[in-house]
Protein backbone atom coordinates (compact mmCIF):
# COMPACT_ATOMS: atom_id res chain seq x y z
CA UNK A 1 18.48 -22.82 0.33
CA UNK A 2 17.68 -19.71 -1.75
CA UNK A 3 15.88 -16.89 0.01
CA UNK A 4 13.17 -16.61 -3.12
CA UNK A 5 11.71 -19.95 -1.75
CA UNK A 6 10.07 -17.95 1.12
CA UNK A 7 8.41 -15.72 -1.15
CA UNK A 8 5.81 -16.16 -4.38
CA UNK A 9 7.63 -16.25 -7.64
CA UNK A 10 8.29 -13.01 -9.41
CA UNK A 11 6.16 -13.77 -12.50
CA UNK A 12 2.96 -13.78 -10.66
CA UNK A 13 3.57 -10.30 -9.21
CA UNK A 14 4.93 -8.67 -12.47
CA UNK A 15 1.65 -8.33 -13.68
CA UNK A 16 0.04 -6.56 -10.57
CA UNK A 17 3.00 -4.17 -10.92
CA UNK A 18 2.45 -3.25 -14.27
CA UNK A 19 -1.28 -2.89 -13.79
CA UNK A 20 -0.38 -0.77 -10.94
CA UNK A 21 1.68 1.59 -13.28
CA UNK A 22 -1.04 1.86 -15.69
CA UNK A 23 -3.53 2.88 -13.17
CA UNK A 24 -1.38 5.74 -12.15
CA UNK A 25 -0.58 6.75 -15.77
CA UNK A 26 -4.23 7.07 -16.27
CA UNK A 27 -4.90 9.08 -13.06
CA UNK A 28 -1.82 11.41 -14.12
CA UNK A 29 -3.71 12.43 -17.24
CA UNK A 30 -7.32 13.05 -15.48
CA UNK A 31 -8.12 16.71 -14.58
CA UNK A 32 -9.38 15.71 -11.22
CA UNK A 33 -6.95 16.15 -8.04
CA UNK A 34 -4.83 13.53 -7.35
CA UNK A 35 -5.74 11.67 -4.09
CA UNK A 36 -3.13 11.58 -1.19
CA UNK A 37 -2.10 7.83 -0.68
CA UNK A 38 0.02 6.18 1.94
CA UNK A 39 3.04 3.98 1.65
CA UNK A 40 4.31 1.54 4.15
CA UNK A 41 7.87 -0.05 4.24
CA UNK A 42 8.88 -3.03 6.43
CA UNK A 43 12.20 -3.66 7.58
CA UNK A 44 13.04 -7.32 9.32
CA UNK A 45 15.52 -9.46 10.64
CA UNK A 46 16.06 -12.54 8.74
CA UNK A 47 13.87 -15.26 9.81
CA UNK A 48 10.76 -12.89 10.71
CA UNK A 49 7.79 -13.77 9.05
CA UNK A 50 7.63 -10.58 7.14
CA UNK A 51 6.27 -11.65 3.84
CA UNK A 52 3.27 -13.50 5.40
CA UNK A 53 2.61 -10.51 7.24
CA UNK A 54 2.75 -8.05 4.30
CA UNK A 55 0.39 -10.20 2.11
CA UNK A 56 -2.28 -10.17 4.93
CA UNK A 57 -1.65 -6.40 5.65
CA UNK A 58 -1.93 -5.58 1.55
CA UNK A 59 -5.52 -7.30 1.83
CA UNK A 60 -6.40 -5.36 4.79
CA UNK A 61 -4.98 -1.84 3.27
CA UNK A 62 -7.15 -2.68 -0.12
CA UNK A 63 -10.23 -3.51 2.17
CA UNK A 64 -9.52 -0.06 3.91
CA UNK A 65 -8.97 2.00 1.02
CA UNK A 66 -11.18 0.26 -1.68
CA UNK A 67 -7.96 0.32 -4.01
CA UNK A 68 -5.29 -1.72 -5.15
CA UNK A 69 -2.31 -1.86 -3.27
CA UNK A 70 1.17 -3.32 -4.66
CA UNK A 71 3.65 -5.26 -2.62
CA UNK A 72 7.25 -4.60 -3.49
CA UNK A 73 10.33 -6.88 -2.37
CA UNK A 74 13.91 -7.58 -3.55
CA UNK A 75 13.23 -10.26 -6.21
CA UNK A 76 10.59 -7.91 -7.93
CA UNK A 77 12.65 -4.88 -7.90
CA UNK A 78 15.66 -6.71 -9.20
CA UNK A 79 13.69 -8.07 -12.04
CA UNK A 80 12.31 -4.80 -13.02
CA UNK A 81 16.14 -3.07 -12.80
CA UNK A 82 17.26 -6.01 -15.19
CA UNK A 83 14.84 -5.62 -17.80
CA UNK A 84 15.20 -2.44 -19.73
CA UNK A 85 11.73 -2.37 -21.64
CA UNK A 86 9.73 -3.03 -18.47
CA UNK A 87 11.82 -0.49 -16.40
CA UNK A 88 11.00 2.19 -19.08
CA UNK A 89 7.37 0.98 -19.19
CA UNK A 90 6.81 1.58 -15.62
CA UNK A 91 9.08 4.35 -15.12
CA UNK A 92 7.13 6.20 -17.96
CA UNK A 93 3.75 5.33 -16.28
CA UNK A 94 5.15 6.91 -13.20
CA UNK A 95 6.00 10.22 -14.83
CA UNK A 96 8.89 12.33 -14.26
CA UNK A 97 11.78 11.52 -11.98
CA UNK A 98 10.89 12.09 -8.24
CA UNK A 99 11.90 15.59 -7.19
CA UNK A 100 13.26 13.92 -4.10
CA UNK A 101 15.53 11.44 -5.72
CA UNK A 102 18.86 13.64 -5.95
CA UNK A 103 18.48 15.15 -2.64
CA UNK A 104 17.65 11.83 -0.86
CA UNK A 105 20.42 9.80 -2.49
CA UNK A 106 22.86 12.57 -2.03
CA UNK A 107 22.69 12.17 1.69
CA UNK A 108 23.83 8.63 1.54
CA UNK A 109 27.22 6.81 1.21
CA UNK A 110 29.03 7.53 -2.17
CA UNK A 111 30.45 4.01 -2.49
CA UNK A 112 27.41 2.71 -4.36
CA UNK A 113 27.73 5.75 -7.10
CA UNK A 114 30.39 3.73 -8.82
CA UNK A 115 29.45 0.13 -7.48
CA UNK A 116 26.24 -2.10 -8.51
CA UNK A 117 24.51 0.60 -10.59
CA UNK A 118 21.38 -1.53 -10.35
CA UNK A 119 20.75 -0.34 -7.17
CA UNK A 120 20.58 3.53 -8.35
CA UNK A 121 17.85 2.24 -10.50
CA UNK A 122 16.08 0.18 -7.78
CA UNK A 123 16.20 3.59 -5.38
CA UNK A 124 14.47 5.39 -8.52
CA UNK A 125 11.71 2.78 -8.74
CA UNK A 126 11.50 2.92 -4.44
CA UNK A 127 11.17 6.38 -4.13
CA UNK A 128 8.86 7.16 -7.25
CA UNK A 129 6.57 4.50 -6.26
CA UNK A 130 6.61 5.52 -2.62
CA UNK A 131 5.36 8.79 -3.61
CA UNK A 132 2.66 7.42 -5.59
CA UNK A 133 1.29 5.63 -2.42
CA UNK A 134 -0.64 2.59 -2.05
CA UNK A 135 2.38 0.59 -1.81
CA UNK A 136 4.04 -1.90 0.67
CA UNK A 137 8.10 -1.98 0.30
CA UNK A 138 9.71 -5.06 2.06
CA UNK A 139 13.52 -4.35 2.54
CA UNK A 140 16.10 -2.89 0.05
CA UNK A 141 16.77 -0.08 2.70
CA UNK A 142 13.45 1.35 1.86
CA UNK A 143 12.75 2.68 5.25
CA UNK A 144 15.87 4.52 5.12
CA UNK A 145 15.57 5.54 1.63
CA UNK A 146 12.00 6.93 2.07
CA UNK A 147 12.57 8.93 5.46
CA UNK A 148 12.01 12.36 3.64
CA UNK A 149 8.56 11.46 2.49
CA UNK A 150 5.83 12.29 4.45
CA UNK A 151 3.41 9.70 3.21
CA UNK A 152 5.33 7.09 4.36
CA UNK A 153 5.12 4.83 7.57
CA UNK A 154 8.11 2.46 8.66
CA UNK A 155 7.95 -0.69 10.71
CA UNK A 156 10.28 -3.15 11.61
CA UNK A 157 10.19 -6.79 12.84
CA UNK A 158 12.67 -8.30 15.08
CA UNK A 159 12.42 -12.05 16.83
CA UNK A 160 14.60 -14.40 19.22
CA UNK A 161 17.15 -16.63 17.37
CA UNK A 162 14.95 -19.55 18.30
CA UNK A 163 11.92 -18.18 16.79
CA UNK A 164 13.88 -17.29 13.63
CA UNK A 165 15.36 -20.70 13.58
CA UNK A 166 12.01 -22.31 14.13
CA UNK A 167 10.53 -20.36 11.58
CA UNK A 168 13.05 -20.90 8.72
CA UNK A 169 13.25 -24.55 9.23
CA UNK A 170 9.57 -24.91 9.04
CA UNK A 171 9.21 -23.04 5.97
CA UNK A 172 12.24 -24.21 4.12
CA UNK A 173 11.97 -27.76 5.30
CA UNK A 174 15.30 -27.71 6.56
CA UNK A 175 17.15 -28.88 10.00
CA UNK A 176 17.64 -26.35 12.63
CA UNK A 177 21.49 -26.23 12.30
CA UNK A 178 21.35 -25.38 8.69
CA UNK A 179 18.68 -22.98 9.29
CA UNK A 180 20.82 -21.02 12.09
CA UNK A 181 23.65 -20.95 9.71
CA UNK A 182 21.31 -19.62 6.86
CA UNK A 183 19.96 -16.84 9.30
CA UNK A 184 23.53 -15.90 10.30
CA UNK A 185 24.85 -15.47 6.68
CA UNK A 186 21.69 -13.66 5.38
CA UNK A 187 21.53 -11.21 8.35
CA UNK A 188 25.11 -10.35 7.80
CA UNK A 189 24.72 -9.68 4.13
CA UNK A 190 21.55 -7.45 5.11
CA UNK A 191 23.43 -5.42 7.41
CA UNK A 192 26.45 -4.93 5.21
CA UNK A 193 24.22 -3.85 2.42
CA UNK A 194 22.58 -1.26 4.37
CA UNK A 195 26.18 -0.05 5.76
CA UNK A 196 27.97 0.14 2.51
CA UNK A 197 25.36 1.50 0.23
CA UNK A 198 23.34 3.82 2.44
CA UNK A 199 25.79 4.38 5.13
CA UNK A 200 23.38 3.51 7.93
CA UNK A 201 22.11 0.98 10.44
CA UNK A 202 19.03 -0.75 9.78
CA UNK A 203 18.83 -1.57 13.74
CA UNK A 204 18.34 2.00 14.50
CA UNK A 205 15.07 2.22 15.82
CA UNK A 206 14.86 5.92 15.26
CA UNK A 207 13.83 5.05 11.55
CA UNK A 208 10.54 3.37 12.51
CA UNK A 209 6.99 4.50 13.64
CA UNK A 210 6.62 1.12 15.55
CA UNK A 211 8.58 -2.05 16.00
CA UNK A 212 7.12 -5.68 16.41
CA UNK A 213 8.42 -8.73 18.22
CA UNK A 214 7.65 -11.56 15.87
CA UNK A 215 7.92 -14.11 18.99
CA UNK A 216 4.89 -12.08 20.67
CA UNK A 217 2.90 -11.03 17.54
CA UNK A 218 1.70 -13.25 14.93
CA UNK A 219 1.15 -12.42 11.23
CA UNK A 220 -2.45 -11.35 11.86
CA UNK A 221 -1.76 -9.24 14.79
CA UNK A 222 1.12 -7.43 12.98
CA UNK A 223 -0.84 -6.77 10.01
CA UNK A 224 -3.88 -5.52 11.60
CA UNK A 225 -1.96 -3.03 13.94
CA UNK A 226 0.03 -1.78 10.98
CA UNK A 227 -3.22 -1.13 9.36
CA UNK A 228 -5.05 0.58 11.98
CA UNK A 229 -2.15 2.67 12.77
CA UNK A 230 -1.83 4.13 9.18
CA UNK A 231 -5.45 4.36 8.94
CA UNK A 232 -5.74 6.41 12.25
CA UNK A 233 -2.67 8.70 11.28
CA UNK A 234 -4.39 9.30 7.86
CA UNK A 235 -7.59 10.10 9.60
CA UNK A 236 -5.93 12.66 11.73
CA UNK A 237 -4.03 14.16 9.01
CA UNK A 238 -7.41 14.91 7.14
């Protein structure tokens, strides 16, 4: 059962990303000083209810800031990386290559430099968009890739095996046994991806500002807590 069934289709979100890029392009050409904005990254174990939480979080952050926020995930990033015209459109809107890009990527494993070049392209989007702010990025090693960026706040969701099995079985309409096998497969793929391409361990809690137990915190609580945390840190930095 494909993981993409757990999230809305890419097509319904590409328009929002393009509009977001156009807004940033217009802002860059304005003589007024650019407003400082935050970026949120979400790491999660497979089976946690990250996407529903981030959708709620996006609504909260838009209400707090009075500005649009964009939600990025693996499917959306891969779609952009595959489409050369779309890729050029978005990167041109974001301006010059992030000054942090080479510095950040140079600290990671060299393996991906010769394997799956699309990941390098995805890194460009992750870092460039994270620098812009008003972005929530789910997965793809974003919590690790953006560690040097001071405007980024990192969070992780974990849960018991029982919670994850029940959640996946319910959301995909499959039996518990099938859900358990899917969780093991997808988690192994995620862990291998982070280790092989970033030479890091996503389970290392040192990467995160806060960690949430999805068993004991529902979607609304997680989203509200992250929103309040980021808002408080923003006020303290002002």
